[in-house]
Amino acid sequence: MQAIVTKYLPATNHTGPRIKAIAESGSVTVPFSYEGSTSDAHRAGALALIKKMGWENCGDIIGGGLPNNGDYVFVFNNSAAY
């Protein structure tokens, strides 16, 4: 099983703010969504990585914030992911 870490990337001169989702197997970067809460935006990033990796059938995810610069971590919450 792999954990997914999401990180907020601020806007630059050429791109808007983004969320980068990273796991041992790969990563994906998605635009930051202002709809909903910040945790919703991080969850959307994690779900984008799940879709990219083909992990949709691994079950539900749970997540929460980390005590650093606003990163989040997500894991599958059932045995189907093992």
PDB file of N, CA and C in Angstrom:
ATOM      1  N   MET A   1       0.846  -1.177   0.000  1.00  0.00           N
ATOM      2  CA  MET A   1       0.000   0.000   0.000  1.00  0.00           C
ATOM      3  C   MET A   1       0.888   1.237   0.000  1.00  0.00           C
ATOM      4  N   GLN A   2       0.427   2.260  -0.675  1.00  0.00           N
ATOM      5  CA  GLN A   2       1.180   3.508  -0.751  1.00  0.00           C
ATOM      6  C   GLN A   2       0.338   4.662  -0.207  1.00  0.00           C
ATOM      7  N   ALA A   3       0.987   5.558   0.483  1.00  0.00           N
ATOM      8  CA  ALA A   3       0.340   6.785   0.922  1.00  0.00           C
ATOM      9  C   ALA A   3       0.463   7.812  -0.191  1.00  0.00           C
ATOM     10  N   ILE A   4      -0.503   8.706  -0.254  1.00  0.00           N
ATOM     11  CA  ILE A   4      -0.479   9.806  -1.214  1.00  0.00           C
ATOM     12  C   ILE A   4      -0.294  11.093  -0.420  1.00  0.00           C
ATOM     13  N   VAL A   5       0.727  11.848  -0.760  1.00  0.00           N
ATOM     14  CA  VAL A   5       0.977  13.140  -0.133  1.00  0.00           C
ATOM     15  C   VAL A   5       0.607  14.216  -1.141  1.00  0.00           C
ATOM     16  N   THR A   6      -0.144  15.213  -0.696  1.00  0.00           N
ATOM     17  CA  THR A   6      -0.499  16.325  -1.573  1.00  0.00           C
ATOM     18  C   THR A   6       0.128  17.602  -1.047  1.00  0.00           C
ATOM     19  N   LYS A   7       0.553  18.437  -1.981  1.00  0.00           N
ATOM     20  CA  LYS A   7       1.260  19.671  -1.644  1.00  0.00           C
ATOM     21  C   LYS A   7       0.676  20.814  -2.477  1.00  0.00           C
ATOM     22  N   TYR A   8       0.471  21.943  -1.841  1.00  0.00           N
ATOM     23  CA  TYR A   8       0.016  23.153  -2.534  1.00  0.00           C
ATOM     24  C   TYR A   8       1.213  23.807  -3.211  1.00  0.00           C
ATOM     25  N   LEU A   9       1.057  24.128  -4.492  1.00  0.00           N
ATOM     26  CA  LEU A   9       2.087  24.861  -5.238  1.00  0.00           C
ATOM     27  C   LEU A   9       1.516  26.231  -5.593  1.00  0.00           C
ATOM     28  N   PRO A  10       2.136  27.302  -5.132  1.00  0.00           N
ATOM     29  CA  PRO A  10       1.593  28.639  -5.389  1.00  0.00           C
ATOM     30  C   PRO A  10       1.696  29.034  -6.863  1.00  0.00           C
ATOM     31  N   ALA A  11       0.962  30.055  -7.210  1.00  0.00           N
ATOM     32  CA  ALA A  11       0.983  30.566  -8.579  1.00  0.00           C
ATOM     33  C   ALA A  11       2.358  31.124  -8.934  1.00  0.00           C
ATOM     34  N   THR A  12       2.686  31.013 -10.203  1.00  0.00           N
ATOM     35  CA  THR A  12       3.918  31.607 -10.728  1.00  0.00           C
ATOM     36  C   THR A  12       3.519  32.630 -11.787  1.00  0.00           C
ATOM     37  N   ASN A  13       4.487  33.173 -12.489  1.00  0.00           N
ATOM     38  CA  ASN A  13       4.180  34.117 -13.570  1.00  0.00           C
ATOM     39  C   ASN A  13       3.459  33.446 -14.735  1.00  0.00           C
ATOM     40  N   HIS A  14       3.556  32.097 -14.821  1.00  0.00           N
ATOM     41  CA  HIS A  14       3.018  31.396 -15.987  1.00  0.00           C
ATOM     42  C   HIS A  14       1.913  30.400 -15.667  1.00  0.00           C
ATOM     43  N   THR A  15       1.768  30.002 -14.424  1.00  0.00           N
ATOM     44  CA  THR A  15       0.721  29.042 -14.058  1.00  0.00           C
ATOM     45  C   THR A  15       0.027  29.483 -12.787  1.00  0.00           C
ATOM     46  N   GLY A  16      -1.228  29.073 -12.676  1.00  0.00           N
ATOM     47  CA  GLY A  16      -1.989  29.362 -11.469  1.00  0.00           C
ATOM     48  C   GLY A  16      -1.605  28.404 -10.353  1.00  0.00           C
ATOM     49  N   PRO A  17      -2.230  28.551  -9.200  1.00  0.00           N
ATOM     50  CA  PRO A  17      -1.927  27.644  -8.084  1.00  0.00           C
ATOM     51  C   PRO A  17      -2.347  26.217  -8.427  1.00  0.00           C
ATOM     52  N   ARG A  18      -1.604  25.243  -7.886  1.00  0.00           N
ATOM     53  CA  ARG A  18      -1.839  23.854  -8.198  1.00  0.00           C
ATOM     54  C   ARG A  18      -1.733  23.002  -6.942  1.00  0.00           C
ATOM     55  N   ILE A  19      -2.209  21.782  -7.068  1.00  0.00           N
ATOM     56  CA  ILE A  19      -2.012  20.745  -6.058  1.00  0.00           C
ATOM     57  C   ILE A  19      -1.232  19.625  -6.733  1.00  0.00           C
ATOM     58  N   LYS A  20      -0.137  19.218  -6.103  1.00  0.00           N
ATOM     59  CA  LYS A  20       0.650  18.092  -6.607  1.00  0.00           C
ATOM     60  C   LYS A  20       0.427  16.919  -5.675  1.00  0.00           C
ATOM     61  N   ALA A  21       0.005  15.789  -6.243  1.00  0.00           N
ATOM     62  CA  ALA A  21      -0.187  14.553  -5.490  1.00  0.00           C
ATOM     63  C   ALA A  21       0.952  13.611  -5.834  1.00  0.00           C
ATOM     64  N   ILE A  22       1.594  13.065  -4.799  1.00  0.00           N
ATOM     65  CA  ILE A  22       2.784  12.245  -4.978  1.00  0.00           C
ATOM     66  C   ILE A  22       2.628  10.936  -4.210  1.00  0.00           C
ATOM     67  N   ALA A  23       2.967   9.826  -4.869  1.00  0.00           N
ATOM     68  CA  ALA A  23       3.064   8.516  -4.222  1.00  0.00           C
ATOM     69  C   ALA A  23       4.342   7.864  -4.719  1.00  0.00           C
ATOM     70  N   GLU A  24       4.684   6.740  -4.162  1.00  0.00           N
ATOM     71  CA  GLU A  24       5.905   6.056  -4.585  1.00  0.00           C
ATOM     72  C   GLU A  24       5.863   5.705  -6.076  1.00  0.00           C
ATOM     73  N   SER A  25       4.669   5.420  -6.603  1.00  0.00           N
ATOM     74  CA  SER A  25       4.526   4.992  -8.001  1.00  0.00           C
ATOM     75  C   SER A  25       4.448   6.120  -9.016  1.00  0.00           C
ATOM     76  N   GLY A  26       4.201   7.339  -8.581  1.00  0.00           N
ATOM     77  CA  GLY A  26       4.080   8.423  -9.542  1.00  0.00           C
ATOM     78  C   GLY A  26       3.486   9.672  -8.928  1.00  0.00           C
ATOM     79  N   SER A  27       3.207  10.628  -9.796  1.00  0.00           N
ATOM     80  CA  SER A  27       2.642  11.897  -9.322  1.00  0.00           C
ATOM     81  C   SER A  27       1.760  12.503 -10.398  1.00  0.00           C
ATOM     82  N   VAL A  28       0.978  13.480  -9.979  1.00  0.00           N
ATOM     83  CA  VAL A  28       0.123  14.234 -10.885  1.00  0.00           C
ATOM     84  C   VAL A  28      -0.039  15.631 -10.290  1.00  0.00           C
ATOM     85  N   THR A  29      -0.197  16.622 -11.162  1.00  0.00           N
ATOM     86  CA  THR A  29      -0.433  17.991 -10.728  1.00  0.00           C
ATOM     87  C   THR A  29      -1.743  18.473 -11.341  1.00  0.00           C
ATOM     88  N   VAL A  30      -2.610  19.038 -10.502  1.00  0.00           N
ATOM     89  CA  VAL A  30      -3.919  19.514 -10.961  1.00  0.00           C
ATOM     90  C   VAL A  30      -4.097  20.964 -10.530  1.00  0.00           C
ATOM     91  N   PRO A  31      -4.913  21.720 -11.263  1.00  0.00           N
ATOM     92  CA  PRO A  31      -5.184  23.105 -10.845  1.00  0.00           C
ATOM     93  C   PRO A  31      -5.855  23.144  -9.470  1.00  0.00           C
ATOM     94  N   PHE A  32      -5.525  24.150  -8.681  1.00  0.00           N
ATOM     95  CA  PHE A  32      -6.163  24.340  -7.380  1.00  0.00           C
ATOM     96  C   PHE A  32      -7.590  24.805  -7.607  1.00  0.00           C
ATOM     97  N   SER A  33      -8.537  24.136  -6.964  1.00  0.00           N
ATOM     98  CA  SER A  33      -9.941  24.508  -7.090  1.00  0.00           C
ATOM     99  C   SER A  33     -10.350  25.370  -5.904  1.00  0.00           C
ATOM    100  N   TYR A  34     -10.942  26.512  -6.193  1.00  0.00           N
ATOM    101  CA  TYR A  34     -11.426  27.392  -5.135  1.00  0.00           C
ATOM    102  C   TYR A  34     -12.839  27.021  -4.690  1.00  0.00           C
ATOM    103  N   GLU A  35     -13.432  26.034  -5.348  1.00  0.00           N
ATOM    104  CA  GLU A  35     -14.750  25.547  -4.935  1.00  0.00           C
ATOM    105  C   GLU A  35     -14.548  24.599  -3.755  1.00  0.00           C
ATOM    106  N   GLY A  36     -15.248  24.832  -2.679  1.00  0.00           N
ATOM    107  CA  GLY A  36     -15.087  23.985  -1.502  1.00  0.00           C
ATOM    108  C   GLY A  36     -13.935  24.448  -0.638  1.00  0.00           C
ATOM    109  N   SER A  37     -13.511  23.573   0.235  1.00  0.00           N
ATOM    110  CA  SER A  37     -12.453  23.902   1.192  1.00  0.00           C
ATOM    111  C   SER A  37     -11.079  23.535   0.645  1.00  0.00           C
ATOM    112  N   THR A  38     -10.061  23.942   1.369  1.00  0.00           N
ATOM    113  CA  THR A  38      -8.698  23.578   1.002  1.00  0.00           C
ATOM    114  C   THR A  38      -8.520  22.067   1.035  1.00  0.00           C
ATOM    115  N   SER A  39      -9.098  21.406   2.039  1.00  0.00           N
ATOM    116  CA  SER A  39      -8.980  19.947   2.116  1.00  0.00           C
ATOM    117  C   SER A  39      -9.673  19.289   0.924  1.00  0.00           C
ATOM    118  N   ASP A  40     -10.757  19.896   0.417  1.00  0.00           N
ATOM    119  CA  ASP A  40     -11.412  19.375  -0.790  1.00  0.00           C
ATOM    120  C   ASP A  40     -10.477  19.452  -1.991  1.00  0.00           C
ATOM    121  N   ALA A  41      -9.716  20.528  -2.098  1.00  0.00           N
ATOM    122  CA  ALA A  41      -8.774  20.681  -3.208  1.00  0.00           C
ATOM    123  C   ALA A  41      -7.673  19.627  -3.133  1.00  0.00           C
ATOM    124  N   HIS A  42      -7.187  19.356  -1.919  1.00  0.00           N
ATOM    125  CA  HIS A  42      -6.162  18.321  -1.749  1.00  0.00           C
ATOM    126  C   HIS A  42      -6.732  16.938  -2.055  1.00  0.00           C
ATOM    127  N   ARG A  43      -7.957  16.691  -1.628  1.00  0.00           N
ATOM    128  CA  ARG A  43      -8.607  15.408  -1.920  1.00  0.00           C
ATOM    129  C   ARG A  43      -8.764  15.227  -3.423  1.00  0.00           C
ATOM    130  N   ALA A  44      -9.110  16.296  -4.137  1.00  0.00           N
ATOM    131  CA  ALA A  44      -9.236  16.215  -5.601  1.00  0.00           C
ATOM    132  C   ALA A  44      -7.903  15.835  -6.235  1.00  0.00           C
ATOM    133  N   GLY A  45      -6.807  16.360  -5.702  1.00  0.00           N
ATOM    134  CA  GLY A  45      -5.486  15.981  -6.199  1.00  0.00           C
ATOM    135  C   GLY A  45      -5.205  14.507  -5.970  1.00  0.00           C
ATOM    136  N   ALA A  46      -5.534  14.013  -4.777  1.00  0.00           N
ATOM    137  CA  ALA A  46      -5.333  12.594  -4.466  1.00  0.00           C
ATOM    138  C   ALA A  46      -6.187  11.721  -5.382  1.00  0.00           C
ATOM    139  N   LEU A  47      -7.429  12.126  -5.610  1.00  0.00           N
ATOM    140  CA  LEU A  47      -8.312  11.356  -6.490  1.00  0.00           C
ATOM    141  C   LEU A  47      -7.812  11.354  -7.935  1.00  0.00           C
ATOM    142  N   ALA A  48      -7.203  12.448  -8.368  1.00  0.00           N
ATOM    143  CA  ALA A  48      -6.634  12.496  -9.722  1.00  0.00           C
ATOM    144  C   ALA A  48      -5.484  11.496  -9.849  1.00  0.00           C
ATOM    145  N   LEU A  49      -4.664  11.382  -8.813  1.00  0.00           N
ATOM    146  CA  LEU A  49      -3.568  10.412  -8.850  1.00  0.00           C
ATOM    147  C   LEU A  49      -4.121   8.986  -8.812  1.00  0.00           C
ATOM    148  N   ILE A  50      -5.136   8.755  -8.006  1.00  0.00           N
ATOM    149  CA  ILE A  50      -5.772   7.434  -7.948  1.00  0.00           C
ATOM    150  C   ILE A  50      -6.288   7.040  -9.327  1.00  0.00           C
ATOM    151  N   LYS A  51      -6.919   7.970 -10.010  1.00  0.00           N
ATOM    152  CA  LYS A  51      -7.424   7.693 -11.362  1.00  0.00           C
ATOM    153  C   LYS A  51      -6.271   7.408 -12.321  1.00  0.00           C
ATOM    154  N   LYS A  52      -5.233   8.222 -12.266  1.00  0.00           N
ATOM    155  CA  LYS A  52      -4.081   8.042 -13.162  1.00  0.00           C
ATOM    156  C   LYS A  52      -3.429   6.677 -12.969  1.00  0.00           C
ATOM    157  N   MET A  53      -3.340   6.231 -11.711  1.00  0.00           N
ATOM    158  CA  MET A  53      -2.660   4.974 -11.405  1.00  0.00           C
ATOM    159  C   MET A  53      -3.570   3.753 -11.557  1.00  0.00           C
ATOM    160  N   GLY A  54      -4.864   3.975 -11.799  1.00  0.00           N
ATOM    161  CA  GLY A  54      -5.795   2.857 -11.929  1.00  0.00           C
ATOM    162  C   GLY A  54      -6.165   2.207 -10.612  1.00  0.00           C
ATOM    163  N   TRP A  55      -6.169   2.985  -9.549  1.00  0.00           N
ATOM    164  CA  TRP A  55      -6.453   2.469  -8.211  1.00  0.00           C
ATOM    165  C   TRP A  55      -7.903   2.686  -7.794  1.00  0.00           C
ATOM    166  N   GLU A  56      -8.804   2.941  -8.739  1.00  0.00           N
ATOM    167  CA  GLU A  56     -10.196   3.250  -8.383  1.00  0.00           C
ATOM    168  C   GLU A  56     -10.885   2.130  -7.612  1.00  0.00           C
ATOM    169  N   ASN A  57     -10.482   0.891  -7.796  1.00  0.00           N
ATOM    170  CA  ASN A  57     -11.136  -0.235  -7.135  1.00  0.00           C
ATOM    171  C   ASN A  57     -10.491  -0.606  -5.805  1.00  0.00           C
ATOM    172  N   CYS A  58      -9.622   0.241  -5.295  1.00  0.00           N
ATOM    173  CA  CYS A  58      -8.925  -0.061  -4.037  1.00  0.00           C
ATOM    174  C   CYS A  58      -9.710   0.366  -2.807  1.00  0.00           C
ATOM    175  N   GLY A  59     -10.829   1.006  -2.969  1.00  0.00           N
ATOM    176  CA  GLY A  59     -11.652   1.407  -1.835  1.00  0.00           C
ATOM    177  C   GLY A  59     -11.626   2.899  -1.590  1.00  0.00           C
ATOM    178  N   ASP A  60     -12.182   3.270  -0.452  1.00  0.00           N
ATOM    179  CA  ASP A  60     -12.283   4.678  -0.066  1.00  0.00           C
ATOM    180  C   ASP A  60     -10.960   5.174   0.503  1.00  0.00           C
ATOM    181  N   ILE A  61     -10.773   6.491   0.448  1.00  0.00           N
ATOM    182  CA  ILE A  61      -9.584   7.077   1.049  1.00  0.00           C
ATOM    183  C   ILE A  61      -9.976   7.955   2.230  1.00  0.00           C
ATOM    184  N   ILE A  62      -9.072   8.036   3.175  1.00  0.00           N
ATOM    185  CA  ILE A  62      -9.205   8.984   4.277  1.00  0.00           C
ATOM    186  C   ILE A  62      -7.921   9.801   4.300  1.00  0.00           C
ATOM    187  N   GLY A  63      -8.016  11.001   4.791  1.00  0.00           N
ATOM    188  CA  GLY A  63      -6.832  11.849   4.791  1.00  0.00           C
ATOM    189  C   GLY A  63      -6.909  12.934   5.835  1.00  0.00           C
ATOM    190  N   GLY A  64      -5.797  13.617   5.964  1.00  0.00           N
ATOM    191  CA  GLY A  64      -5.723  14.717   6.907  1.00  0.00           C
ATOM    192  C   GLY A  64      -4.471  15.531   6.691  1.00  0.00           C
ATOM    193  N   GLY A  65      -4.425  16.660   7.343  1.00  0.00           N
ATOM    194  CA  GLY A  65      -3.302  17.576   7.216  1.00  0.00           C
ATOM    195  C   GLY A  65      -2.081  17.118   7.989  1.00  0.00           C
ATOM    196  N   LEU A  66      -0.932  17.485   7.490  1.00  0.00           N
ATOM    197  CA  LEU A  66       0.340  17.209   8.149  1.00  0.00           C
ATOM    198  C   LEU A  66       0.818  18.479   8.858  1.00  0.00           C
ATOM    199  N   PRO A  67       1.658  18.340   9.888  1.00  0.00           N
ATOM    200  CA  PRO A  67       2.073  19.509  10.666  1.00  0.00           C
ATOM    201  C   PRO A  67       3.213  20.307  10.036  1.00  0.00           C
ATOM    202  N   ASN A  68       3.244  20.366   8.726  1.00  0.00           N
ATOM    203  CA  ASN A  68       4.267  21.188   8.065  1.00  0.00           C
ATOM    204  C   ASN A  68       3.570  22.280   7.272  1.00  0.00           C
ATOM    205  N   ASN A  69       4.008  22.585   6.120  1.00  0.00           N
ATOM    206  CA  ASN A  69       3.505  23.724   5.337  1.00  0.00           C
ATOM    207  C   ASN A  69       2.159  23.484   4.664  1.00  0.00           C
ATOM    208  N   GLY A  70       1.250  22.807   5.311  1.00  0.00           N
ATOM    209  CA  GLY A  70      -0.079  22.625   4.745  1.00  0.00           C
ATOM    210  C   GLY A  70      -0.225  21.419   3.841  1.00  0.00           C
ATOM    211  N   ASP A  71       0.719  20.484   3.871  1.00  0.00           N
ATOM    212  CA  ASP A  71       0.585  19.265   3.089  1.00  0.00           C
ATOM    213  C   ASP A  71      -0.480  18.368   3.719  1.00  0.00           C
ATOM    214  N   TYR A  72      -1.016  17.464   2.906  1.00  0.00           N
ATOM    215  CA  TYR A  72      -1.995  16.478   3.363  1.00  0.00           C
ATOM    216  C   TYR A  72      -1.481  15.092   3.004  1.00  0.00           C
ATOM    217  N   VAL A  73      -2.012  14.071   3.678  1.00  0.00           N
ATOM    218  CA  VAL A  73      -1.707  12.691   3.332  1.00  0.00           C
ATOM    219  C   VAL A  73      -3.022  11.915   3.254  1.00  0.00           C
ATOM    220  N   PHE A  74      -3.089  10.995   2.302  1.00  0.00           N
ATOM    221  CA  PHE A  74      -4.278  10.173   2.091  1.00  0.00           C
ATOM    222  C   PHE A  74      -3.864   8.712   2.007  1.00  0.00           C
ATOM    223  N   VAL A  75      -4.688   7.836   2.595  1.00  0.00           N
ATOM    224  CA  VAL A  75      -4.471   6.399   2.537  1.00  0.00           C
ATOM    225  C   VAL A  75      -5.818   5.717   2.295  1.00  0.00           C
ATOM    226  N   PHE A  76      -5.758   4.499   1.777  1.00  0.00           N
ATOM    227  CA  PHE A  76      -6.983   3.706   1.624  1.00  0.00           C
ATOM    228  C   PHE A  76      -7.363   3.176   2.999  1.00  0.00           C
ATOM    229  N   ASN A  77      -8.657   3.153   3.307  1.00  0.00           N
ATOM    230  CA  ASN A  77      -9.083   2.788   4.643  1.00  0.00           C
ATOM    231  C   ASN A  77      -9.692   1.386   4.757  1.00  0.00           C
ATOM    232  N   ASN A  78      -9.374   0.510   3.810  1.00  0.00           N
ATOM    233  CA  ASN A  78      -9.865  -0.858   3.940  1.00  0.00           C
ATOM    234  C   ASN A  78      -8.845  -1.855   3.434  1.00  0.00           C
ATOM    235  N   SER A  79      -9.068  -3.101   3.688  1.00  0.00           N
ATOM    236  CA  SER A  79      -8.098  -4.138   3.346  1.00  0.00           C
ATOM    237  C   SER A  79      -8.003  -4.401   1.855  1.00  0.00           C
ATOM    238  N   ALA A  80      -8.931  -3.896   1.044  1.00  0.00           N
ATOM    239  CA  ALA A  80      -8.880  -4.109  -0.397  1.00  0.00           C
ATOM    240  C   ALA A  80      -7.629  -3.466  -1.017  1.00  0.00           C
ATOM    241  N   ALA A  81      -7.021  -2.518  -0.336  1.00  0.00           N
ATOM    242  CA  ALA A  81      -5.868  -1.816  -0.878  1.00  0.00           C
ATOM    243  C   ALA A  81      -4.553  -2.548  -0.637  1.00  0.00           C
ATOM    244  N   TYR A  82      -4.559  -3.603   0.150  1.00  0.00           N
ATOM    245  CA  TYR A  82      -3.312  -4.313   0.470  1.00  0.00           C
ATOM    246  C   TYR A  82      -2.899  -5.261  -0.606  1.00  0.00           C
TER     247      TYR A  82
END
